[in-house]
Amino acid sequence: MSQQYRTPPPPPVQGGWGPGPIGPQFRPARSSKTQWIVMGCAVLAVLLIAIGVVLMVTGKDDDAGTPVAGATPEPVGTLFTPSPTTAPRTKGPYDVGVEVGKGVWFTPAKGWLQGPDKTVGGQYWILQENRQGGKRRGFIDGYFWVRQTQLYDAKGFAEHLVDIESNGYKNVKIGRGTPLECAAPVLKSCYTITYTADVPTKSGKLLPFRGFMTAYEDQYGQVTATDVGLEVSVYDRRAKDLAAMNESVVKSYS
């Protein structure tokens, strides 16, 4: 009878326990800290992608508006150079006598004195020659006043001055204003107005007066005006003085 063979049982494992059934193999579980890191990286990646899309659409870059310290911007070029708005301060051959301002001068005629009132603007000069009983009278014979402004043009300033000077006089008659041909190239507008009036004195006596205003507007919009008033009794004798002083103002523009 033939001998039967069978597969021998496995050798015993040390400790008396067999290997037992081999179950499924599991990877060790990750820690919660590692999971949060992974999730954070994923969220950050999504945000970066979204920001990149916005920048591509809008064409803006946060860094574009931040100047680099010490950097000098490139010049963009000069498209327009404005002309000066005020007259340059120069002194020419005809700038003699008394400086009015803004490059304008005038030469007082002989016998004309600077007015005692130093609070008035411009240059205020008076004529005081008539006498009674060998003494000077208590009032002036006339005045020559040079003033400046940028609030009016030549016509407007002459009209403004004649209204002011004749205020308070009696029997005022204002002549028609006349545009003048300017004698200096830098003058763009010249205008004159005459007037007559009776000036009351402290004693109540009325003195016949004649006067005129002549205004000169230069290329910068500066207006200089001569404001003149004289007693009729001396007007004709001093007419040359007035003409010479006015001419010295106009010459100072040359």
C-alpha atoms as a PDB file:
ATOM      1  CA  MET A   1       0.000   0.000   0.000  1.00  0.00           C
ATOM      2  CA  SER A   2       1.439   3.089  -1.057  1.00  0.00           C
ATOM      3  CA  GLN A   3       2.279   5.725   1.540  1.00  0.00           C
ATOM      4  CA  GLN A   4       0.234   8.985   1.341  1.00  0.00           C
ATOM      5  CA  TYR A   5       1.993  12.331   1.565  1.00  0.00           C
ATOM      6  CA  ARG A   6       0.586  15.697   2.635  1.00  0.00           C
ATOM      7  CA  THR A   7       1.926  19.161   2.981  1.00  0.00           C
ATOM      8  CA  PRO A   8       3.454  19.596   6.396  1.00  0.00           C
ATOM      9  CA  PRO A   9       2.051  22.374   8.565  1.00  0.00           C
ATOM     10  CA  PRO A  10       4.082  25.544   8.857  1.00  0.00           C
ATOM     11  CA  PRO A  11       6.588  25.686  11.655  1.00  0.00           C
ATOM     12  CA  PRO A  12       5.394  27.252  14.855  1.00  0.00           C
ATOM     13  CA  VAL A  13       6.108  30.959  15.324  1.00  0.00           C
ATOM     14  CA  GLN A  14       7.982  31.964  18.362  1.00  0.00           C
ATOM     15  CA  GLY A  15       5.621  33.019  21.055  1.00  0.00           C
ATOM     16  CA  GLY A  16       2.923  30.504  20.166  1.00  0.00           C
ATOM     17  CA  TRP A  17       0.955  32.649  17.825  1.00  0.00           C
ATOM     18  CA  GLY A  18       0.566  32.079  14.152  1.00  0.00           C
ATOM     19  CA  PRO A  19       0.767  34.817  11.599  1.00  0.00           C
ATOM     20  CA  GLY A  20      -3.028  35.057  11.466  1.00  0.00           C
ATOM     21  CA  PRO A  21      -4.839  36.364   8.465  1.00  0.00           C
ATOM     22  CA  ILE A  22      -3.109  39.143   6.556  1.00  0.00           C
ATOM     23  CA  GLY A  23      -5.562  42.079   6.412  1.00  0.00           C
ATOM     24  CA  PRO A  24      -5.429  45.208   4.168  1.00  0.00           C
ATOM     25  CA  GLN A  25      -2.421  47.452   4.488  1.00  0.00           C
ATOM     26  CA  PHE A  26      -3.152  51.096   5.755  1.00  0.00           C
ATOM     27  CA  ARG A  27      -0.840  54.171   5.447  1.00  0.00           C
ATOM     28  CA  PRO A  28      -0.227  55.944   8.654  1.00  0.00           C
ATOM     29  CA  ALA A  29      -2.710  58.868   9.131  1.00  0.00           C
ATOM     30  CA  ARG A  30      -1.413  62.425   8.599  1.00  0.00           C
ATOM     31  CA  SER A  31      -1.486  64.948  11.430  1.00  0.00           C
ATOM     32  CA  SER A  32      -4.112  67.759  11.483  1.00  0.00           C
ATOM     33  CA  LYS A  33      -1.329  70.394  11.203  1.00  0.00           C
ATOM     34  CA  THR A  34      -0.201  68.992   7.870  1.00  0.00           C
ATOM     35  CA  GLN A  35      -3.774  69.066   6.571  1.00  0.00           C
ATOM     36  CA  TRP A  36      -4.191  72.774   7.445  1.00  0.00           C
ATOM     37  CA  ILE A  37      -0.937  73.613   5.651  1.00  0.00           C
ATOM     38  CA  VAL A  38      -2.088  71.834   2.509  1.00  0.00           C
ATOM     39  CA  MET A  39      -5.467  73.575   2.593  1.00  0.00           C
ATOM     40  CA  GLY A  40      -3.856  76.983   3.128  1.00  0.00           C
ATOM     41  CA  CYS A  41      -1.547  76.512   0.167  1.00  0.00           C
ATOM     42  CA  ALA A  42      -4.492  75.590  -2.013  1.00  0.00           C
ATOM     43  CA  VAL A  43      -6.449  78.711  -1.002  1.00  0.00           C
ATOM     44  CA  LEU A  44      -3.399  80.922  -1.564  1.00  0.00           C
ATOM     45  CA  ALA A  45      -2.907  79.465  -5.027  1.00  0.00           C
ATOM     46  CA  VAL A  46      -6.542  80.251  -5.915  1.00  0.00           C
ATOM     47  CA  LEU A  47      -6.182  83.849  -4.680  1.00  0.00           C
ATOM     48  CA  LEU A  48      -2.985  84.415  -6.666  1.00  0.00           C
ATOM     49  CA  ILE A  49      -4.634  83.167  -9.820  1.00  0.00           C
ATOM     50  CA  ALA A  50      -7.633  85.460  -9.250  1.00  0.00           C
ATOM     51  CA  ILE A  51      -5.403  88.505  -8.678  1.00  0.00           C
ATOM     52  CA  GLY A  52      -3.459  87.735 -11.842  1.00  0.00           C
ATOM     53  CA  VAL A  53      -6.655  87.616 -13.865  1.00  0.00           C
ATOM     54  CA  VAL A  54      -7.823  90.981 -12.463  1.00  0.00           C
ATOM     55  CA  LEU A  55      -4.507  92.645 -13.290  1.00  0.00           C
ATOM     56  CA  MET A  56      -4.614  91.297 -16.825  1.00  0.00           C
ATOM     57  CA  VAL A  57      -8.133  92.665 -17.329  1.00  0.00           C
ATOM     58  CA  THR A  58      -7.672  96.106 -15.769  1.00  0.00           C
ATOM     59  CA  GLY A  59      -4.074  96.628 -16.853  1.00  0.00           C
ATOM     60  CA  LYS A  60      -3.180  98.106 -13.458  1.00  0.00           C
ATOM     61  CA  ASP A  61      -0.189  97.273 -11.393  1.00  0.00           C
ATOM     62  CA  ASP A  62       0.094  98.311  -7.771  1.00  0.00           C
ATOM     63  CA  ASP A  63       3.790  98.921  -8.169  1.00  0.00           C
ATOM     64  CA  ALA A  64       3.329 101.200 -11.189  1.00  0.00           C
ATOM     65  CA  GLY A  65       2.162 104.151  -9.094  1.00  0.00           C
ATOM     66  CA  THR A  66       4.898 103.903  -6.477  1.00  0.00           C
ATOM     67  CA  PRO A  67       7.864 106.149  -7.332  1.00  0.00           C
ATOM     68  CA  VAL A  68      11.288 104.739  -6.891  1.00  0.00           C
ATOM     69  CA  ALA A  69      13.220 106.615  -4.241  1.00  0.00           C
ATOM     70  CA  GLY A  70      15.843 108.839  -5.786  1.00  0.00           C
ATOM     71  CA  ALA A  71      14.590 108.361  -9.339  1.00  0.00           C
ATOM     72  CA  THR A  72      14.237 111.422 -11.606  1.00  0.00           C
ATOM     73  CA  PRO A  73      11.225 111.436 -13.943  1.00  0.00           C
ATOM     74  CA  GLU A  74      11.862 111.847 -17.628  1.00  0.00           C
ATOM     75  CA  PRO A  75      11.136 115.366 -18.943  1.00  0.00           C
ATOM     76  CA  VAL A  76       7.912 115.639 -20.903  1.00  0.00           C
ATOM     77  CA  GLY A  77       8.973 118.694 -22.884  1.00  0.00           C
ATOM     78  CA  THR A  78       7.797 122.325 -22.829  1.00  0.00           C
ATOM     79  CA  LEU A  79       4.763 122.891 -25.011  1.00  0.00           C
ATOM     80  CA  PHE A  80       4.054 126.531 -24.042  1.00  0.00           C
ATOM     81  CA  THR A  81       6.089 129.280 -22.451  1.00  0.00           C
ATOM     82  CA  PRO A  82       3.817 131.991 -20.984  1.00  0.00           C
ATOM     83  CA  SER A  83       4.673 135.621 -21.508  1.00  0.00           C
ATOM     84  CA  PRO A  84       5.550 137.695 -18.442  1.00  0.00           C
ATOM     85  CA  THR A  85       2.503 139.264 -16.805  1.00  0.00           C
ATOM     86  CA  THR A  86       4.307 142.138 -15.105  1.00  0.00           C
ATOM     87  CA  ALA A  87       6.549 144.813 -16.498  1.00  0.00           C
ATOM     88  CA  PRO A  88      10.261 144.176 -15.968  1.00  0.00           C
ATOM     89  CA  ARG A  89      12.027 146.712 -13.771  1.00  0.00           C
ATOM     90  CA  THR A  90      14.386 148.552 -16.065  1.00  0.00           C
ATOM     91  CA  LYS A  91      15.891 152.041 -16.060  1.00  0.00           C
ATOM     92  CA  GLY A  92      16.282 153.682 -19.428  1.00  0.00           C
ATOM     93  CA  PRO A  93      17.678 157.020 -20.567  1.00  0.00           C
ATOM     94  CA  TYR A  94      14.333 158.781 -19.945  1.00  0.00           C
ATOM     95  CA  ASP A  95      13.768 157.338 -16.472  1.00  0.00           C
ATOM     96  CA  VAL A  96      14.738 160.479 -14.619  1.00  0.00           C
ATOM     97  CA  GLY A  97      13.184 162.701 -11.992  1.00  0.00           C
ATOM     98  CA  VAL A  98      10.701 160.830  -9.790  1.00  0.00           C
ATOM     99  CA  GLU A  99       9.981 157.107  -9.964  1.00  0.00           C
ATOM    100  CA  VAL A 100       6.264 156.340  -9.982  1.00  0.00           C
ATOM    101  CA  GLY A 101       6.680 152.566 -10.126  1.00  0.00           C
ATOM    102  CA  LYS A 102       6.601 149.636 -12.579  1.00  0.00           C
ATOM    103  CA  GLY A 103       9.311 151.276 -14.687  1.00  0.00           C
ATOM    104  CA  VAL A 104       7.426 154.596 -15.007  1.00  0.00           C
ATOM    105  CA  TRP A 105       9.006 157.950 -14.119  1.00  0.00           C
ATOM    106  CA  PHE A 106       8.169 161.626 -14.509  1.00  0.00           C
ATOM    107  CA  THR A 107      10.071 164.896 -14.231  1.00  0.00           C
ATOM    108  CA  PRO A 108       8.435 167.629 -12.120  1.00  0.00           C
ATOM    109  CA  ALA A 109       8.509 171.088 -13.698  1.00  0.00           C
ATOM    110  CA  LYS A 110      10.152 173.998 -11.934  1.00  0.00           C
ATOM    111  CA  GLY A 111       8.055 175.368  -9.096  1.00  0.00           C
ATOM    112  CA  TRP A 112       6.185 172.113  -8.436  1.00  0.00           C
ATOM    113  CA  LEU A 113       6.635 170.630  -4.959  1.00  0.00           C
ATOM    114  CA  GLN A 114       5.884 167.223  -3.534  1.00  0.00           C
ATOM    115  CA  GLY A 115       2.539 167.289  -1.732  1.00  0.00           C
ATOM    116  CA  PRO A 116       2.581 167.296   2.073  1.00  0.00           C
ATOM    117  CA  ASP A 117       0.216 164.324   2.351  1.00  0.00           C
ATOM    118  CA  LYS A 118       2.441 161.243   2.274  1.00  0.00           C
ATOM    119  CA  THR A 119      -0.461 158.822   2.766  1.00  0.00           C
ATOM    120  CA  VAL A 120      -1.778 159.128  -0.792  1.00  0.00           C
ATOM    121  CA  GLY A 121      -0.746 156.597  -3.395  1.00  0.00           C
ATOM    122  CA  GLY A 122       1.403 157.344  -6.404  1.00  0.00           C
ATOM    123  CA  GLN A 123       3.250 160.618  -6.794  1.00  0.00           C
ATOM    124  CA  TYR A 124       1.369 163.738  -5.674  1.00  0.00           C
ATOM    125  CA  TRP A 125       2.876 167.138  -6.532  1.00  0.00           C
ATOM    126  CA  ILE A 126       1.406 170.617  -6.038  1.00  0.00           C
ATOM    127  CA  LEU A 127       1.764 174.155  -7.336  1.00  0.00           C
ATOM    128  CA  GLN A 128       1.473 176.942  -4.775  1.00  0.00           C
ATOM    129  CA  GLU A 129       2.556 180.288  -6.219  1.00  0.00           C
ATOM    130  CA  ASN A 130      -0.296 182.800  -5.905  1.00  0.00           C
ATOM    131  CA  ARG A 131       0.122 185.292  -3.120  1.00  0.00           C
ATOM    132  CA  GLN A 132      -2.070 187.823  -1.410  1.00  0.00           C
ATOM    133  CA  GLY A 133      -0.424 190.722   0.414  1.00  0.00           C
ATOM    134  CA  GLY A 134       3.021 189.180  -0.122  1.00  0.00           C
ATOM    135  CA  LYS A 135       2.043 185.934   1.604  1.00  0.00           C
ATOM    136  CA  ARG A 136       1.049 182.589   0.226  1.00  0.00           C
ATOM    137  CA  ARG A 137      -2.616 181.823   0.325  1.00  0.00           C
ATOM    138  CA  GLY A 138      -3.877 178.940   2.410  1.00  0.00           C
ATOM    139  CA  PHE A 139      -4.663 176.721  -0.548  1.00  0.00           C
ATOM    140  CA  ILE A 140      -2.847 175.373  -3.555  1.00  0.00           C
ATOM    141  CA  ASP A 141      -3.132 176.587  -7.126  1.00  0.00           C
ATOM    142  CA  GLY A 142      -3.160 173.108  -8.554  1.00  0.00           C
ATOM    143  CA  TYR A 143      -1.837 169.572  -8.451  1.00  0.00           C
ATOM    144  CA  PHE A 144      -0.238 166.959 -10.695  1.00  0.00           C
ATOM    145  CA  TRP A 145      -0.928 163.421  -9.485  1.00  0.00           C
ATOM    146  CA  VAL A 146       0.414 160.223 -11.100  1.00  0.00           C
ATOM    147  CA  ARG A 147      -1.271 156.978 -10.087  1.00  0.00           C
ATOM    148  CA  GLN A 148      -1.268 153.363 -11.249  1.00  0.00           C
ATOM    149  CA  THR A 149      -3.681 150.435 -11.275  1.00  0.00           C
ATOM    150  CA  GLN A 150      -4.413 147.070 -12.852  1.00  0.00           C
ATOM    151  CA  LEU A 151      -8.120 147.139 -11.993  1.00  0.00           C
ATOM    152  CA  TYR A 152      -9.126 149.244 -15.026  1.00  0.00           C
ATOM    153  CA  ASP A 153      -8.132 149.736 -18.614  1.00  0.00           C
ATOM    154  CA  ALA A 154      -7.039 153.192 -19.774  1.00  0.00           C
ATOM    155  CA  LYS A 155     -10.554 154.432 -20.539  1.00  0.00           C
ATOM    156  CA  GLY A 156     -12.038 153.015 -17.339  1.00  0.00           C
ATOM    157  CA  PHE A 157      -9.339 154.497 -15.108  1.00  0.00           C
ATOM    158  CA  ALA A 158      -9.634 157.977 -16.656  1.00  0.00           C
ATOM    159  CA  GLU A 159     -13.410 157.930 -16.192  1.00  0.00           C
ATOM    160  CA  HIS A 160     -13.046 156.665 -12.630  1.00  0.00           C
ATOM    161  CA  LEU A 161     -10.604 159.428 -11.692  1.00  0.00           C
ATOM    162  CA  VAL A 162     -12.642 162.258 -13.146  1.00  0.00           C
ATOM    163  CA  ASP A 163     -15.667 161.097 -11.157  1.00  0.00           C
ATOM    164  CA  ILE A 164     -13.645 161.028  -7.943  1.00  0.00           C
ATOM    165  CA  GLU A 165     -11.898 164.374  -8.407  1.00  0.00           C
ATOM    166  CA  SER A 166     -15.012 166.283  -9.395  1.00  0.00           C
ATOM    167  CA  ASN A 167     -17.031 164.915  -6.490  1.00  0.00           C
ATOM    168  CA  GLY A 168     -17.731 167.803  -4.103  1.00  0.00           C
ATOM    169  CA  TYR A 169     -16.991 170.484  -6.684  1.00  0.00           C
ATOM    170  CA  LYS A 170     -19.619 172.868  -7.955  1.00  0.00           C
ATOM    171  CA  ASN A 171     -20.840 173.393 -11.524  1.00  0.00           C
ATOM    172  CA  VAL A 172     -18.945 170.352 -12.793  1.00  0.00           C
ATOM    173  CA  LYS A 173     -18.795 169.840 -16.556  1.00  0.00           C
ATOM    174  CA  ILE A 174     -17.063 166.703 -17.790  1.00  0.00           C
ATOM    175  CA  GLY A 175     -15.956 166.642 -21.399  1.00  0.00           C
ATOM    176  CA  ARG A 176     -16.255 163.750 -23.768  1.00  0.00           C
ATOM    177  CA  GLY A 177     -13.460 161.211 -23.396  1.00  0.00           C
ATOM    178  CA  THR A 178     -11.047 160.925 -26.295  1.00  0.00           C
ATOM    179  CA  PRO A 179      -8.878 157.944 -27.314  1.00  0.00           C
ATOM    180  CA  LEU A 180      -5.331 159.029 -28.071  1.00  0.00           C
ATOM    181  CA  GLU A 181      -2.699 157.690 -30.404  1.00  0.00           C
ATOM    182  CA  CYS A 182      -0.075 156.188 -28.112  1.00  0.00           C
ATOM    183  CA  ALA A 183       3.393 157.624 -28.630  1.00  0.00           C
ATOM    184  CA  ALA A 184       5.310 154.588 -27.310  1.00  0.00           C
ATOM    185  CA  PRO A 185       5.250 151.126 -28.943  1.00  0.00           C
ATOM    186  CA  VAL A 186       4.769 149.339 -25.604  1.00  0.00           C
ATOM    187  CA  LEU A 187       1.546 151.251 -24.938  1.00  0.00           C
ATOM    188  CA  LYS A 188      -1.568 149.580 -26.274  1.00  0.00           C
ATOM    189  CA  SER A 189      -4.231 152.051 -25.154  1.00  0.00           C
ATOM    190  CA  CYS A 190      -4.274 155.772 -24.259  1.00  0.00           C
ATOM    191  CA  TYR A 191      -7.255 157.882 -23.218  1.00  0.00           C
ATOM    192  CA  THR A 192      -7.972 161.395 -21.909  1.00  0.00           C
ATOM    193  CA  ILE A 193     -10.882 163.297 -20.346  1.00  0.00           C
ATOM    194  CA  THR A 194     -11.165 167.011 -19.489  1.00  0.00           C
ATOM    195  CA  TYR A 195     -13.384 168.767 -16.976  1.00  0.00           C
ATOM    196  CA  THR A 196     -14.178 172.197 -15.531  1.00  0.00           C
ATOM    197  CA  ALA A 197     -15.574 172.985 -12.089  1.00  0.00           C
ATOM    198  CA  ASP A 198     -15.742 175.535  -9.315  1.00  0.00           C
ATOM    199  CA  VAL A 199     -13.792 174.552  -6.203  1.00  0.00           C
ATOM    200  CA  PRO A 200     -15.182 175.907  -2.908  1.00  0.00           C
ATOM    201  CA  THR A 201     -12.722 177.303  -0.345  1.00  0.00           C
ATOM    202  CA  LYS A 202     -13.081 177.515   3.423  1.00  0.00           C
ATOM    203  CA  SER A 203     -14.294 181.093   3.106  1.00  0.00           C
ATOM    204  CA  GLY A 204     -17.008 179.975   0.726  1.00  0.00           C
ATOM    205  CA  LYS A 205     -15.429 181.561  -2.311  1.00  0.00           C
ATOM    206  CA  LEU A 206     -15.538 179.507  -5.515  1.00  0.00           C
ATOM    207  CA  LEU A 207     -12.356 179.143  -7.551  1.00  0.00           C
ATOM    208  CA  PRO A 208     -12.762 178.206 -11.221  1.00  0.00           C
ATOM    209  CA  PHE A 209     -10.760 175.046 -11.919  1.00  0.00           C
ATOM    210  CA  ARG A 210      -9.753 173.130 -15.010  1.00  0.00           C
ATOM    211  CA  GLY A 211      -8.422 169.629 -15.103  1.00  0.00           C
ATOM    212  CA  PHE A 212      -7.827 166.516 -17.145  1.00  0.00           C
ATOM    213  CA  MET A 213      -6.978 162.847 -16.742  1.00  0.00           C
ATOM    214  CA  THR A 214      -4.794 160.977 -19.217  1.00  0.00           C
ATOM    215  CA  ALA A 215      -4.318 157.224 -18.808  1.00  0.00           C
ATOM    216  CA  TYR A 216      -1.722 154.998 -20.445  1.00  0.00           C
ATOM    217  CA  GLU A 217      -2.093 151.204 -20.546  1.00  0.00           C
ATOM    218  CA  ASP A 218       1.000 149.149 -21.329  1.00  0.00           C
ATOM    219  CA  GLN A 219       1.331 145.668 -22.805  1.00  0.00           C
ATOM    220  CA  TYR A 220       1.216 144.082 -19.332  1.00  0.00           C
ATOM    221  CA  GLY A 221      -2.145 145.623 -18.387  1.00  0.00           C
ATOM    222  CA  GLN A 222      -0.587 148.183 -16.054  1.00  0.00           C
ATOM    223  CA  VAL A 223      -2.323 151.573 -16.308  1.00  0.00           C
ATOM    224  CA  THR A 224      -0.611 154.829 -15.332  1.00  0.00           C
ATOM    225  CA  ALA A 225      -2.694 157.987 -15.212  1.00  0.00           C
ATOM    226  CA  THR A 226      -1.852 161.664 -14.800  1.00  0.00           C
ATOM    227  CA  ASP A 227      -4.534 163.496 -12.838  1.00  0.00           C
ATOM    228  CA  VAL A 228      -4.235 167.287 -13.196  1.00  0.00           C
ATOM    229  CA  GLY A 229      -6.205 170.183 -11.756  1.00  0.00           C
ATOM    230  CA  LEU A 230      -5.287 173.892 -11.902  1.00  0.00           C
ATOM    231  CA  GLU A 231      -6.923 177.195 -11.184  1.00  0.00           C
ATOM    232  CA  VAL A 232      -8.105 178.802 -14.394  1.00  0.00           C
ATOM    233  CA  SER A 233      -6.135 181.945 -13.471  1.00  0.00           C
ATOM    234  CA  VAL A 234      -2.833 180.073 -13.728  1.00  0.00           C
ATOM    235  CA  TYR A 235      -3.784 177.343 -16.171  1.00  0.00           C
ATOM    236  CA  ASP A 236      -2.606 179.014 -19.330  1.00  0.00           C
ATOM    237  CA  ARG A 237       0.704 180.087 -17.786  1.00  0.00           C
ATOM    238  CA  ARG A 238       1.387 176.559 -16.608  1.00  0.00           C
ATOM    239  CA  ALA A 239       0.107 174.702 -19.646  1.00  0.00           C
ATOM    240  CA  LYS A 240       3.668 174.070 -20.830  1.00  0.00           C
ATOM    241  CA  ASP A 241       4.510 172.540 -17.433  1.00  0.00           C
ATOM    242  CA  LEU A 242       1.625 170.122 -17.731  1.00  0.00           C
ATOM    243  CA  ALA A 243       2.587 169.138 -21.262  1.00  0.00           C
ATOM    244  CA  ALA A 244       6.236 168.585 -20.293  1.00  0.00           C
ATOM    245  CA  MET A 245       5.391 166.461 -17.234  1.00  0.00           C
ATOM    246  CA  ASN A 246       2.956 164.348 -19.234  1.00  0.00           C
ATOM    247  CA  GLU A 247       5.521 163.893 -21.958  1.00  0.00           C
ATOM    248  CA  SER A 248       8.113 162.739 -19.404  1.00  0.00           C
ATOM    249  CA  VAL A 249       5.725 159.980 -18.295  1.00  0.00           C
ATOM    250  CA  VAL A 250       5.283 158.752 -21.858  1.00  0.00           C
ATOM    251  CA  LYS A 251       9.029 158.918 -22.557  1.00  0.00           C
ATOM    252  CA  SER A 252       9.759 156.657 -19.594  1.00  0.00           C
ATOM    253  CA  TYR A 253       8.090 153.826 -21.541  1.00  0.00           C
ATOM    254  CA  SER A 254      10.811 154.060 -24.205  1.00  0.00           C
END
